[in-house]
C-alpha cells in the first residue's frame, strides 16, 4: 500500500487527477452495463474510502491541494454519480482532515 505522499510523488497531482477521471469514466460505463443488465436505471455508485494508515503527516499542502482539485473536478463533471460515501477505519486524525475537506465539498452531498 502506498501512502498519499508516495502516490503524489510517483504520479504527481496531474496523474492523480487522471486516475480519478479514469475511475469516474469506468463507473459510468459500469452503471450503463448495470442498467442494461437489470432493466432499470442505475446511475449512481457507492464510494468506499478506507482511511487505514491516515495520520498527521498526510495533512500537508500538496496532498490537500491534490485532494481539493480532485473533489472540485469530480463535482463539476460527475455531480450526479455519487450515491453514498462510506468511510471505514478512520483514525483519530480524521475529524481534523474532515473539517478541512468538508468546506470544499458541495452542499448537495449532505
PDB file of N, CA and C in Angstrom:
ATOM      1  N   UNK A   1       0.847  -1.174   0.000  1.00  0.00           N
ATOM      2  CA  UNK A   1       0.000   0.000   0.000  1.00  0.00           C
ATOM      3  C   UNK A   1       0.893   1.238   0.000  1.00  0.00           C
ATOM      4  N   UNK A   2       0.604   2.175  -0.887  1.00  0.00           N
ATOM      5  CA  UNK A   2       1.391   3.400  -0.979  1.00  0.00           C
ATOM      6  C   UNK A   2       0.636   4.515  -0.268  1.00  0.00           C
ATOM      7  N   UNK A   3       1.339   5.301   0.529  1.00  0.00           N
ATOM      8  CA  UNK A   3       0.663   6.395   1.212  1.00  0.00           C
ATOM      9  C   UNK A   3       0.447   7.563   0.257  1.00  0.00           C
ATOM     10  N   UNK A   4      -0.308   8.560   0.700  1.00  0.00           N
ATOM     11  CA  UNK A   4      -0.669   9.692  -0.139  1.00  0.00           C
ATOM     12  C   UNK A   4       0.558  10.428  -0.658  1.00  0.00           C
ATOM     13  N   UNK A   5       1.531  10.684   0.226  1.00  0.00           N
ATOM     14  CA  UNK A   5       2.743  11.375  -0.220  1.00  0.00           C
ATOM     15  C   UNK A   5       3.456  10.579  -1.300  1.00  0.00           C
ATOM     16  N   UNK A   6       3.583   9.279  -1.094  1.00  0.00           N
ATOM     17  CA  UNK A   6       4.244   8.429  -2.085  1.00  0.00           C
ATOM     18  C   UNK A   6       3.508   8.432  -3.410  1.00  0.00           C
ATOM     19  N   UNK A   7       2.191   8.403  -3.360  1.00  0.00           N
ATOM     20  CA  UNK A   7       1.399   8.414  -4.589  1.00  0.00           C
ATOM     21  C   UNK A   7       1.571   9.728  -5.338  1.00  0.00           C
ATOM     22  N   UNK A   8       1.493  10.831  -4.621  1.00  0.00           N
ATOM     23  CA  UNK A   8       1.648  12.131  -5.278  1.00  0.00           C
ATOM     24  C   UNK A   8       3.053  12.275  -5.843  1.00  0.00           C
ATOM     25  N   UNK A   9       4.057  11.805  -5.104  1.00  0.00           N
ATOM     26  CA  UNK A   9       5.437  11.883  -5.616  1.00  0.00           C
ATOM     27  C   UNK A   9       5.620  11.018  -6.857  1.00  0.00           C
ATOM     28  N   UNK A  10       4.963   9.854  -6.895  1.00  0.00           N
ATOM     29  CA  UNK A  10       5.186   8.949  -8.018  1.00  0.00           C
ATOM     30  C   UNK A  10       4.412   9.350  -9.273  1.00  0.00           C
ATOM     31  N   UNK A  11       3.173   9.799  -9.132  1.00  0.00           N
ATOM     32  CA  UNK A  11       2.386  10.137 -10.324  1.00  0.00           C
ATOM     33  C   UNK A  11       2.088  11.621 -10.445  1.00  0.00           C
ATOM     34  N   UNK A  12       2.296  12.377  -9.381  1.00  0.00           N
ATOM     35  CA  UNK A  12       2.034  13.814  -9.403  1.00  0.00           C
ATOM     36  C   UNK A  12       0.555  14.127  -9.275  1.00  0.00           C
ATOM     37  N   UNK A  13       0.270  15.386  -9.063  1.00  0.00           N
ATOM     38  CA  UNK A  13      -1.122  15.822  -8.913  1.00  0.00           C
ATOM     39  C   UNK A  13      -1.918  15.559 -10.185  1.00  0.00           C
ATOM     40  N   UNK A  14      -1.299  15.817 -11.339  1.00  0.00           N
ATOM     41  CA  UNK A  14      -1.986  15.571 -12.614  1.00  0.00           C
ATOM     42  C   UNK A  14      -2.275  14.084 -12.798  1.00  0.00           C
ATOM     43  N   UNK A  15      -1.331  13.243 -12.402  1.00  0.00           N
ATOM     44  CA  UNK A  15      -1.534  11.800 -12.507  1.00  0.00           C
ATOM     45  C   UNK A  15      -2.669  11.333 -11.618  1.00  0.00           C
ATOM     46  N   UNK A  16      -2.756  11.880 -10.404  1.00  0.00           N
ATOM     47  CA  UNK A  16      -3.859  11.526  -9.508  1.00  0.00           C
ATOM     48  C   UNK A  16      -5.192  11.964 -10.093  1.00  0.00           C
ATOM     49  N   UNK A  17      -5.212  13.142 -10.705  1.00  0.00           N
ATOM     50  CA  UNK A  17      -6.436  13.629 -11.333  1.00  0.00           C
ATOM     51  C   UNK A  17      -6.830  12.727 -12.499  1.00  0.00           C
ATOM     52  N   UNK A  18      -5.875  12.324 -13.316  1.00  0.00           N
ATOM     53  CA  UNK A  18      -6.166  11.413 -14.431  1.00  0.00           C
ATOM     54  C   UNK A  18      -6.700  10.070 -13.931  1.00  0.00           C
ATOM     55  N   UNK A  19      -6.100   9.552 -12.851  1.00  0.00           N
ATOM     56  CA  UNK A  19      -6.592   8.286 -12.283  1.00  0.00           C
ATOM     57  C   UNK A  19      -8.021   8.442 -11.788  1.00  0.00           C
ATOM     58  N   UNK A  20      -8.315   9.560 -11.156  1.00  0.00           N
ATOM     59  CA  UNK A  20      -9.661   9.812 -10.661  1.00  0.00           C
ATOM     60  C   UNK A  20     -10.657   9.882 -11.811  1.00  0.00           C
ATOM     61  N   UNK A  21     -10.304  10.601 -12.857  1.00  0.00           N
ATOM     62  CA  UNK A  21     -11.190  10.699 -14.019  1.00  0.00           C
ATOM     63  C   UNK A  21     -11.393   9.334 -14.669  1.00  0.00           C
ATOM     64  N   UNK A  22     -10.352   8.530 -14.710  1.00  0.00           N
ATOM     65  CA  UNK A  22     -10.480   7.175 -15.252  1.00  0.00           C
ATOM     66  C   UNK A  22     -11.474   6.355 -14.425  1.00  0.00           C
ATOM     67  N   UNK A  23     -11.369   6.456 -13.105  1.00  0.00           N
ATOM     68  CA  UNK A  23     -12.287   5.722 -12.229  1.00  0.00           C
ATOM     69  C   UNK A  23     -13.723   6.196 -12.452  1.00  0.00           C
ATOM     70  N   UNK A  24     -13.929   7.501 -12.573  1.00  0.00           N
ATOM     71  CA  UNK A  24     -15.273   8.033 -12.814  1.00  0.00           C
ATOM     72  C   UNK A  24     -15.831   7.560 -14.159  1.00  0.00           C
ATOM     73  N   UNK A  25     -15.006   7.584 -15.190  1.00  0.00           N
ATOM     74  CA  UNK A  25     -15.460   7.122 -16.506  1.00  0.00           C
ATOM     75  C   UNK A  25     -15.775   5.627 -16.476  1.00  0.00           C
ATOM     76  N   UNK A  26     -14.966   4.862 -15.771  1.00  0.00           N
ATOM     77  CA  UNK A  26     -15.232   3.431 -15.627  1.00  0.00           C
ATOM     78  C   UNK A  26     -16.543   3.215 -14.870  1.00  0.00           C
ATOM     79  N   UNK A  27     -16.794   4.035 -13.870  1.00  0.00           N
ATOM     80  CA  UNK A  27     -18.051   3.964 -13.133  1.00  0.00           C
ATOM     81  C   UNK A  27     -19.243   4.223 -14.030  1.00  0.00           C
ATOM     82  N   UNK A  28     -19.141   5.213 -14.906  1.00  0.00           N
ATOM     83  CA  UNK A  28     -20.226   5.493 -15.851  1.00  0.00           C
ATOM     84  C   UNK A  28     -20.463   4.309 -16.778  1.00  0.00           C
ATOM     85  N   UNK A  29     -19.380   3.693 -17.231  1.00  0.00           N
ATOM     86  CA  UNK A  29     -19.511   2.524 -18.100  1.00  0.00           C
ATOM     87  C   UNK A  29     -20.211   1.382 -17.361  1.00  0.00           C
ATOM     88  N   UNK A  30     -19.803   1.165 -16.110  1.00  0.00           N
ATOM     89  CA  UNK A  30     -20.394   0.074 -15.338  1.00  0.00           C
ATOM     90  C   UNK A  30     -21.863   0.339 -14.992  1.00  0.00           C
ATOM     91  N   UNK A  31     -22.216   1.599 -14.735  1.00  0.00           N
ATOM     92  CA  UNK A  31     -23.631   1.884 -14.459  1.00  0.00           C
ATOM     93  C   UNK A  31     -24.479   1.673 -15.713  1.00  0.00           C
ATOM     94  N   UNK A  32     -23.918   1.985 -16.862  1.00  0.00           N
ATOM     95  CA  UNK A  32     -24.641   1.736 -18.125  1.00  0.00           C
ATOM     96  C   UNK A  32     -24.849   0.233 -18.319  1.00  0.00           C
ATOM     97  N   UNK A  33     -23.804  -0.550 -18.069  1.00  0.00           N
ATOM     98  CA  UNK A  33     -23.933  -2.007 -18.171  1.00  0.00           C
ATOM     99  C   UNK A  33     -24.968  -2.549 -17.185  1.00  0.00           C
ATOM    100  N   UNK A  34     -24.954  -2.034 -15.956  1.00  0.00           N
ATOM    101  CA  UNK A  34     -25.903  -2.486 -14.935  1.00  0.00           C
ATOM    102  C   UNK A  34     -27.333  -2.118 -15.323  1.00  0.00           C
ATOM    103  N   UNK A  35     -27.521  -0.951 -15.923  1.00  0.00           N
ATOM    104  CA  UNK A  35     -28.844  -0.531 -16.386  1.00  0.00           C
ATOM    105  C   UNK A  35     -29.373  -1.521 -17.420  1.00  0.00           C
ATOM    106  N   UNK A  36     -28.516  -1.896 -18.362  1.00  0.00           N
ATOM    107  CA  UNK A  36     -28.920  -2.858 -19.401  1.00  0.00           C
ATOM    108  C   UNK A  36     -29.170  -4.239 -18.802  1.00  0.00           C
ATOM    109  N   UNK A  37     -28.331  -4.658 -17.880  1.00  0.00           N
ATOM    110  CA  UNK A  37     -28.442  -5.987 -17.278  1.00  0.00           C
ATOM    111  C   UNK A  37     -29.702  -6.135 -16.434  1.00  0.00           C
ATOM    112  N   UNK A  38     -30.009  -5.122 -15.610  1.00  0.00           N
ATOM    113  CA  UNK A  38     -31.127  -5.225 -14.672  1.00  0.00           C
ATOM    114  C   UNK A  38     -32.423  -4.605 -15.188  1.00  0.00           C
ATOM    115  N   UNK A  39     -32.359  -3.931 -16.327  1.00  0.00           N
ATOM    116  CA  UNK A  39     -33.571  -3.386 -16.931  1.00  0.00           C
ATOM    117  C   UNK A  39     -34.188  -2.213 -16.177  1.00  0.00           C
ATOM    118  N   UNK A  40     -33.406  -1.567 -15.363  1.00  0.00           N
ATOM    119  CA  UNK A  40     -33.869  -0.367 -14.653  1.00  0.00           C
ATOM    120  C   UNK A  40     -32.691   0.592 -14.550  1.00  0.00           C
ATOM    121  N   UNK A  41     -32.974   1.877 -14.421  1.00  0.00           N
ATOM    122  CA  UNK A  41     -31.880   2.862 -14.393  1.00  0.00           C
ATOM    123  C   UNK A  41     -30.964   2.696 -13.182  1.00  0.00           C
ATOM    124  N   UNK A  42     -29.682   2.583 -13.445  1.00  0.00           N
ATOM    125  CA  UNK A  42     -28.634   2.580 -12.417  1.00  0.00           C
ATOM    126  C   UNK A  42     -27.725   3.748 -12.789  1.00  0.00           C
ATOM    127  N   UNK A  43     -27.695   4.772 -11.948  1.00  0.00           N
ATOM    128  CA  UNK A  43     -26.930   5.958 -12.329  1.00  0.00           C
ATOM    129  C   UNK A  43     -25.967   6.434 -11.254  1.00  0.00           C
ATOM    130  N   UNK A  44     -25.946   5.757 -10.110  1.00  0.00           N
ATOM    131  CA  UNK A  44     -25.035   6.179  -9.048  1.00  0.00           C
ATOM    132  C   UNK A  44     -24.260   4.981  -8.521  1.00  0.00           C
ATOM    133  N   UNK A  45     -23.189   5.281  -7.827  1.00  0.00           N
ATOM    134  CA  UNK A  45     -22.418   4.232  -7.188  1.00  0.00           C
ATOM    135  C   UNK A  45     -22.058   4.655  -5.775  1.00  0.00           C
ATOM    136  N   UNK A  46     -21.610   3.689  -5.002  1.00  0.00           N
ATOM    137  CA  UNK A  46     -21.172   3.944  -3.638  1.00  0.00           C
ATOM    138  C   UNK A  46     -19.658   3.990  -3.623  1.00  0.00           C
ATOM    139  N   UNK A  47     -19.124   4.996  -2.979  1.00  0.00           N
ATOM    140  CA  UNK A  47     -17.677   5.189  -2.865  1.00  0.00           C
ATOM    141  C   UNK A  47     -17.250   4.712  -1.489  1.00  0.00           C
ATOM    142  N   UNK A  48     -16.375   3.730  -1.439  1.00  0.00           N
ATOM    143  CA  UNK A  48     -15.853   3.199  -0.180  1.00  0.00           C
ATOM    144  C   UNK A  48     -14.449   3.741   0.030  1.00  0.00           C
ATOM    145  N   UNK A  49     -14.261   4.480   1.113  1.00  0.00           N
ATOM    146  CA  UNK A  49     -12.976   5.115   1.401  1.00  0.00           C
ATOM    147  C   UNK A  49     -12.388   4.481   2.652  1.00  0.00           C
ATOM    148  N   UNK A  50     -11.281   3.777   2.477  1.00  0.00           N
ATOM    149  CA  UNK A  50     -10.581   3.132   3.593  1.00  0.00           C
ATOM    150  C   UNK A  50      -9.454   4.060   4.030  1.00  0.00           C
ATOM    151  N   UNK A  51      -9.553   4.566   5.246  1.00  0.00           N
ATOM    152  CA  UNK A  51      -8.573   5.532   5.737  1.00  0.00           C
ATOM    153  C   UNK A  51      -7.518   4.913   6.652  1.00  0.00           C
ATOM    154  N   UNK A  52      -7.375   3.605   6.579  1.00  0.00           N
ATOM    155  CA  UNK A  52      -6.359   2.968   7.405  1.00  0.00           C
ATOM    156  C   UNK A  52      -4.989   3.564   7.075  1.00  0.00           C
ATOM    157  N   UNK A  53      -4.251   3.937   8.080  1.00  0.00           N
ATOM    158  CA  UNK A  53      -2.915   4.482   7.892  1.00  0.00           C
ATOM    159  C   UNK A  53      -2.857   5.996   7.759  1.00  0.00           C
ATOM    160  N   UNK A  54      -4.017   6.660   7.680  1.00  0.00           N
ATOM    161  CA  UNK A  54      -4.017   8.113   7.605  1.00  0.00           C
ATOM    162  C   UNK A  54      -3.529   8.693   8.929  1.00  0.00           C
ATOM    163  N   UNK A  55      -2.645   9.658   8.842  1.00  0.00           N
ATOM    164  CA  UNK A  55      -2.169  10.311  10.060  1.00  0.00           C
ATOM    165  C   UNK A  55      -1.799  11.760   9.755  1.00  0.00           C
ATOM    166  N   UNK A  56      -1.248  12.446  10.722  1.00  0.00           N
ATOM    167  CA  UNK A  56      -0.961  13.868  10.574  1.00  0.00           C
ATOM    168  C   UNK A  56       0.018  14.181   9.439  1.00  0.00           C
ATOM    169  N   UNK A  57       0.874  13.249   9.088  1.00  0.00           N
ATOM    170  CA  UNK A  57       1.830  13.562   8.008  1.00  0.00           C
ATOM    171  C   UNK A  57       1.132  13.699   6.657  1.00  0.00           C
ATOM    172  N   UNK A  58      -0.126  13.242   6.555  1.00  0.00           N
ATOM    173  CA  UNK A  58      -0.876  13.390   5.317  1.00  0.00           C
ATOM    174  C   UNK A  58      -1.522  14.764   5.188  1.00  0.00           C
ATOM    175  N   UNK A  59      -1.520  15.528   6.267  1.00  0.00           N
ATOM    176  CA  UNK A  59      -2.108  16.867   6.240  1.00  0.00           C
ATOM    177  C   UNK A  59      -1.047  17.881   5.836  1.00  0.00           C
ATOM    178  N   UNK A  60      -0.586  17.795   4.624  1.00  0.00           N
ATOM    179  CA  UNK A  60       0.442  18.680   4.109  1.00  0.00           C
ATOM    180  C   UNK A  60      -0.083  19.326   2.840  1.00  0.00           C
ATOM    181  N   UNK A  61       0.458  20.446   2.494  1.00  0.00           N
ATOM    182  CA  UNK A  61      -0.082  21.279   1.421  1.00  0.00           C
ATOM    183  C   UNK A  61      -0.270  20.560   0.080  1.00  0.00           C
ATOM    184  N   UNK A  62       0.721  19.873  -0.484  1.00  0.00           N
ATOM    185  CA  UNK A  62       0.487  19.212  -1.777  1.00  0.00           C
ATOM    186  C   UNK A  62      -0.626  18.155  -1.717  1.00  0.00           C
ATOM    187  N   UNK A  63      -0.714  17.423  -0.630  1.00  0.00           N
ATOM    188  CA  UNK A  63      -1.755  16.401  -0.511  1.00  0.00           C
ATOM    189  C   UNK A  63      -3.139  17.010  -0.444  1.00  0.00           C
ATOM    190  N   UNK A  64      -3.302  18.031   0.373  1.00  0.00           N
ATOM    191  CA  UNK A  64      -4.588  18.716   0.490  1.00  0.00           C
ATOM    192  C   UNK A  64      -4.936  19.392  -0.830  1.00  0.00           C
ATOM    193  N   UNK A  65      -3.961  20.014  -1.463  1.00  0.00           N
ATOM    194  CA  UNK A  65      -4.188  20.674  -2.748  1.00  0.00           C
ATOM    195  C   UNK A  65      -4.678  19.672  -3.801  1.00  0.00           C
ATOM    196  N   UNK A  66      -4.039  18.516  -3.870  1.00  0.00           N
ATOM    197  CA  UNK A  66      -4.443  17.491  -4.836  1.00  0.00           C
ATOM    198  C   UNK A  66      -5.853  16.998  -4.538  1.00  0.00           C
ATOM    199  N   UNK A  67      -6.150  16.743  -3.269  1.00  0.00           N
ATOM    200  CA  UNK A  67      -7.470  16.269  -2.884  1.00  0.00           C
ATOM    201  C   UNK A  67      -8.548  17.287  -3.251  1.00  0.00           C
ATOM    202  N   UNK A  68      -8.304  18.549  -2.970  1.00  0.00           N
ATOM    203  CA  UNK A  68      -9.291  19.583  -3.276  1.00  0.00           C
ATOM    204  C   UNK A  68      -9.505  19.726  -4.781  1.00  0.00           C
ATOM    205  N   UNK A  69      -8.453  19.595  -5.546  1.00  0.00           N
ATOM    206  CA  UNK A  69      -8.585  19.678  -7.007  1.00  0.00           C
ATOM    207  C   UNK A  69      -9.393  18.504  -7.540  1.00  0.00           C
ATOM    208  N   UNK A  70      -9.168  17.332  -6.987  1.00  0.00           N
ATOM    209  CA  UNK A  70      -9.926  16.152  -7.404  1.00  0.00           C
ATOM    210  C   UNK A  70     -11.401  16.324  -7.057  1.00  0.00           C
ATOM    211  N   UNK A  71     -11.684  16.773  -5.836  1.00  0.00           N
ATOM    212  CA  UNK A  71     -13.077  16.984  -5.425  1.00  0.00           C
ATOM    213  C   UNK A  71     -13.755  17.997  -6.354  1.00  0.00           C
ATOM    214  N   UNK A  72     -13.080  19.092  -6.625  1.00  0.00           N
ATOM    215  CA  UNK A  72     -13.630  20.132  -7.492  1.00  0.00           C
ATOM    216  C   UNK A  72     -13.927  19.585  -8.889  1.00  0.00           C
ATOM    217  N   UNK A  73     -13.011  18.813  -9.450  1.00  0.00           N
ATOM    218  CA  UNK A  73     -13.179  18.262 -10.793  1.00  0.00           C
ATOM    219  C   UNK A  73     -14.324  17.251 -10.843  1.00  0.00           C
ATOM    220  N   UNK A  74     -14.386  16.369  -9.844  1.00  0.00           N
ATOM    221  CA  UNK A  74     -15.447  15.364  -9.822  1.00  0.00           C
ATOM    222  C   UNK A  74     -16.806  16.035  -9.641  1.00  0.00           C
ATOM    223  N   UNK A  75     -16.905  17.001  -8.743  1.00  0.00           N
ATOM    224  CA  UNK A  75     -18.178  17.704  -8.557  1.00  0.00           C
ATOM    225  C   UNK A  75     -18.612  18.426  -9.835  1.00  0.00           C
ATOM    226  N   UNK A  76     -17.675  19.004 -10.555  1.00  0.00           N
ATOM    227  CA  UNK A  76     -18.007  19.759 -11.760  1.00  0.00           C
ATOM    228  C   UNK A  76     -18.417  18.848 -12.922  1.00  0.00           C
ATOM    229  N   UNK A  77     -17.841  17.652 -12.993  1.00  0.00           N
ATOM    230  CA  UNK A  77     -18.060  16.795 -14.153  1.00  0.00           C
ATOM    231  C   UNK A  77     -18.909  15.553 -13.901  1.00  0.00           C
ATOM    232  N   UNK A  78     -19.041  15.139 -12.654  1.00  0.00           N
ATOM    233  CA  UNK A  78     -19.799  13.930 -12.319  1.00  0.00           C
ATOM    234  C   UNK A  78     -20.674  14.149 -11.083  1.00  0.00           C
ATOM    235  N   UNK A  79     -21.412  15.252 -11.011  1.00  0.00           N
ATOM    236  CA  UNK A  79     -22.117  15.573  -9.768  1.00  0.00           C
ATOM    237  C   UNK A  79     -23.230  14.594  -9.404  1.00  0.00           C
ATOM    238  N   UNK A  80     -23.804  13.947 -10.375  1.00  0.00           N
ATOM    239  CA  UNK A  80     -24.943  13.076 -10.112  1.00  0.00           C
ATOM    240  C   UNK A  80     -24.569  11.628  -9.840  1.00  0.00           C
ATOM    241  N   UNK A  81     -23.307  11.298  -9.867  1.00  0.00           N
ATOM    242  CA  UNK A  81     -22.916   9.892  -9.802  1.00  0.00           C
ATOM    243  C   UNK A  81     -22.727   9.329  -8.401  1.00  0.00           C
ATOM    244  N   UNK A  82     -22.369  10.145  -7.435  1.00  0.00           N
ATOM    245  CA  UNK A  82     -22.089   9.625  -6.094  1.00  0.00           C
ATOM    246  C   UNK A  82     -23.385   9.395  -5.345  1.00  0.00           C
ATOM    247  N   UNK A  83     -23.693   8.126  -5.088  1.00  0.00           N
ATOM    248  CA  UNK A  83     -24.879   7.798  -4.326  1.00  0.00           C
ATOM    249  C   UNK A  83     -24.621   7.911  -2.844  1.00  0.00           C
ATOM    250  N   UNK A  84     -23.575   7.228  -2.386  1.00  0.00           N
ATOM    251  CA  UNK A  84     -23.190   7.245  -0.981  1.00  0.00           C
ATOM    252  C   UNK A  84     -21.674   7.194  -0.885  1.00  0.00           C
ATOM    253  N   UNK A  85     -21.188   7.666   0.235  1.00  0.00           N
ATOM    254  CA  UNK A  85     -19.767   7.548   0.534  1.00  0.00           C
ATOM    255  C   UNK A  85     -19.656   6.907   1.906  1.00  0.00           C
ATOM    256  N   UNK A  86     -18.983   5.779   1.964  1.00  0.00           N
ATOM    257  CA  UNK A  86     -18.784   5.067   3.216  1.00  0.00           C
ATOM    258  C   UNK A  86     -17.317   5.180   3.609  1.00  0.00           C
ATOM    259  N   UNK A  87     -17.072   5.585   4.832  1.00  0.00           N
ATOM    260  CA  UNK A  87     -15.702   5.739   5.326  1.00  0.00           C
ATOM    261  C   UNK A  87     -15.466   4.670   6.383  1.00  0.00           C
ATOM    262  N   UNK A  88     -14.411   3.893   6.166  1.00  0.00           N
ATOM    263  CA  UNK A  88     -14.079   2.843   7.126  1.00  0.00           C
ATOM    264  C   UNK A  88     -12.674   3.060   7.680  1.00  0.00           C
ATOM    265  N   UNK A  89     -12.434   2.504   8.829  1.00  0.00           N
ATOM    266  CA  UNK A  89     -11.140   2.550   9.520  1.00  0.00           C
ATOM    267  C   UNK A  89     -10.572   3.969   9.620  1.00  0.00           C
ATOM    268  N   UNK A  90     -11.432   4.911   9.967  1.00  0.00           N
ATOM    269  CA  UNK A  90     -10.989   6.302  10.120  1.00  0.00           C
ATOM    270  C   UNK A  90     -10.183   6.441  11.411  1.00  0.00           C
ATOM    271  N   UNK A  91      -8.981   6.975  11.328  1.00  0.00           N
ATOM    272  CA  UNK A  91      -8.148   7.157  12.525  1.00  0.00           C
ATOM    273  C   UNK A  91      -8.549   8.403  13.308  1.00  0.00           C
ATOM    274  N   UNK A  92      -7.884   8.611  14.405  1.00  0.00           N
ATOM    275  CA  UNK A  92      -8.185   9.767  15.256  1.00  0.00           C
ATOM    276  C   UNK A  92      -8.007  11.092  14.540  1.00  0.00           C
ATOM    277  N   UNK A  93      -7.121  11.163  13.576  1.00  0.00           N
ATOM    278  CA  UNK A  93      -6.859  12.409  12.861  1.00  0.00           C
ATOM    279  C   UNK A  93      -7.977  12.746  11.862  1.00  0.00           C
ATOM    280  N   UNK A  94      -8.860  11.823  11.600  1.00  0.00           N
ATOM    281  CA  UNK A  94      -9.904  12.038  10.594  1.00  0.00           C
ATOM    282  C   UNK A  94     -10.745  13.285  10.844  1.00  0.00           C
ATOM    283  N   UNK A  95     -11.210  13.562  12.063  1.00  0.00           N
ATOM    284  CA  UNK A  95     -12.013  14.778  12.256  1.00  0.00           C
ATOM    285  C   UNK A  95     -11.294  16.054  11.825  1.00  0.00           C
ATOM    286  N   UNK A  96      -9.984  16.107  12.008  1.00  0.00           N
ATOM    287  CA  UNK A  96      -9.213  17.283  11.585  1.00  0.00           C
ATOM    288  C   UNK A  96      -9.237  17.393  10.063  1.00  0.00           C
ATOM    289  N   UNK A  97      -8.944  16.298   9.383  1.00  0.00           N
ATOM    290  CA  UNK A  97      -8.958  16.298   7.917  1.00  0.00           C
ATOM    291  C   UNK A  97     -10.357  16.593   7.397  1.00  0.00           C
ATOM    292  N   UNK A  98     -11.368  15.992   7.985  1.00  0.00           N
ATOM    293  CA  UNK A  98     -12.747  16.191   7.536  1.00  0.00           C
ATOM    294  C   UNK A  98     -13.148  17.660   7.671  1.00  0.00           C
ATOM    295  N   UNK A  99     -12.728  18.327   8.732  1.00  0.00           N
ATOM    296  CA  UNK A  99     -13.035  19.740   8.928  1.00  0.00           C
ATOM    297  C   UNK A  99     -12.481  20.571   7.776  1.00  0.00           C
ATOM    298  N   UNK A 100     -11.286  20.243   7.316  1.00  0.00           N
ATOM    299  CA  UNK A 100     -10.662  20.964   6.201  1.00  0.00           C
ATOM    300  C   UNK A 100     -11.379  20.653   4.897  1.00  0.00           C
ATOM    301  N   UNK A 101     -11.591  19.379   4.610  1.00  0.00           N
ATOM    302  CA  UNK A 101     -12.133  18.951   3.322  1.00  0.00           C
ATOM    303  C   UNK A 101     -13.619  19.289   3.186  1.00  0.00           C
ATOM    304  N   UNK A 102     -14.374  19.137   4.240  1.00  0.00           N
ATOM    305  CA  UNK A 102     -15.826  19.316   4.193  1.00  0.00           C
ATOM    306  C   UNK A 102     -16.233  20.686   3.648  1.00  0.00           C
ATOM    307  N   UNK A 103     -15.469  21.715   3.947  1.00  0.00           N
ATOM    308  CA  UNK A 103     -15.820  23.058   3.483  1.00  0.00           C
ATOM    309  C   UNK A 103     -15.758  23.179   1.971  1.00  0.00           C
ATOM    310  N   UNK A 104     -15.059  22.254   1.315  1.00  0.00           N
ATOM    311  CA  UNK A 104     -14.900  22.323  -0.132  1.00  0.00           C
ATOM    312  C   UNK A 104     -15.814  21.358  -0.887  1.00  0.00           C
ATOM    313  N   UNK A 105     -16.567  20.562  -0.168  1.00  0.00           N
ATOM    314  CA  UNK A 105     -17.465  19.598  -0.805  1.00  0.00           C
ATOM    315  C   UNK A 105     -18.825  20.257  -0.979  1.00  0.00           C
ATOM    316  N   UNK A 106     -19.427  20.019  -2.129  1.00  0.00           N
ATOM    317  CA  UNK A 106     -20.713  20.623  -2.448  1.00  0.00           C
ATOM    318  C   UNK A 106     -21.791  20.355  -1.403  1.00  0.00           C
ATOM    319  N   UNK A 107     -22.679  21.300  -1.258  1.00  0.00           N
ATOM    320  CA  UNK A 107     -23.740  21.208  -0.276  1.00  0.00           C
ATOM    321  C   UNK A 107     -24.718  20.088  -0.577  1.00  0.00           C
ATOM    322  N   UNK A 108     -24.841  19.669  -1.838  1.00  0.00           N
ATOM    323  CA  UNK A 108     -25.809  18.636  -2.187  1.00  0.00           C
ATOM    324  C   UNK A 108     -25.442  17.269  -1.607  1.00  0.00           C
ATOM    325  N   UNK A 109     -24.226  17.093  -1.160  1.00  0.00           N
ATOM    326  CA  UNK A 109     -23.802  15.801  -0.608  1.00  0.00           C
ATOM    327  C   UNK A 109     -24.402  15.592   0.762  1.00  0.00           C
ATOM    328  N   UNK A 110     -24.615  16.644   1.506  1.00  0.00           N
ATOM    329  CA  UNK A 110     -25.082  16.499   2.886  1.00  0.00           C
ATOM    330  C   UNK A 110     -26.568  16.525   2.925  1.00  0.00           C
TER     331      UNK A 110
END
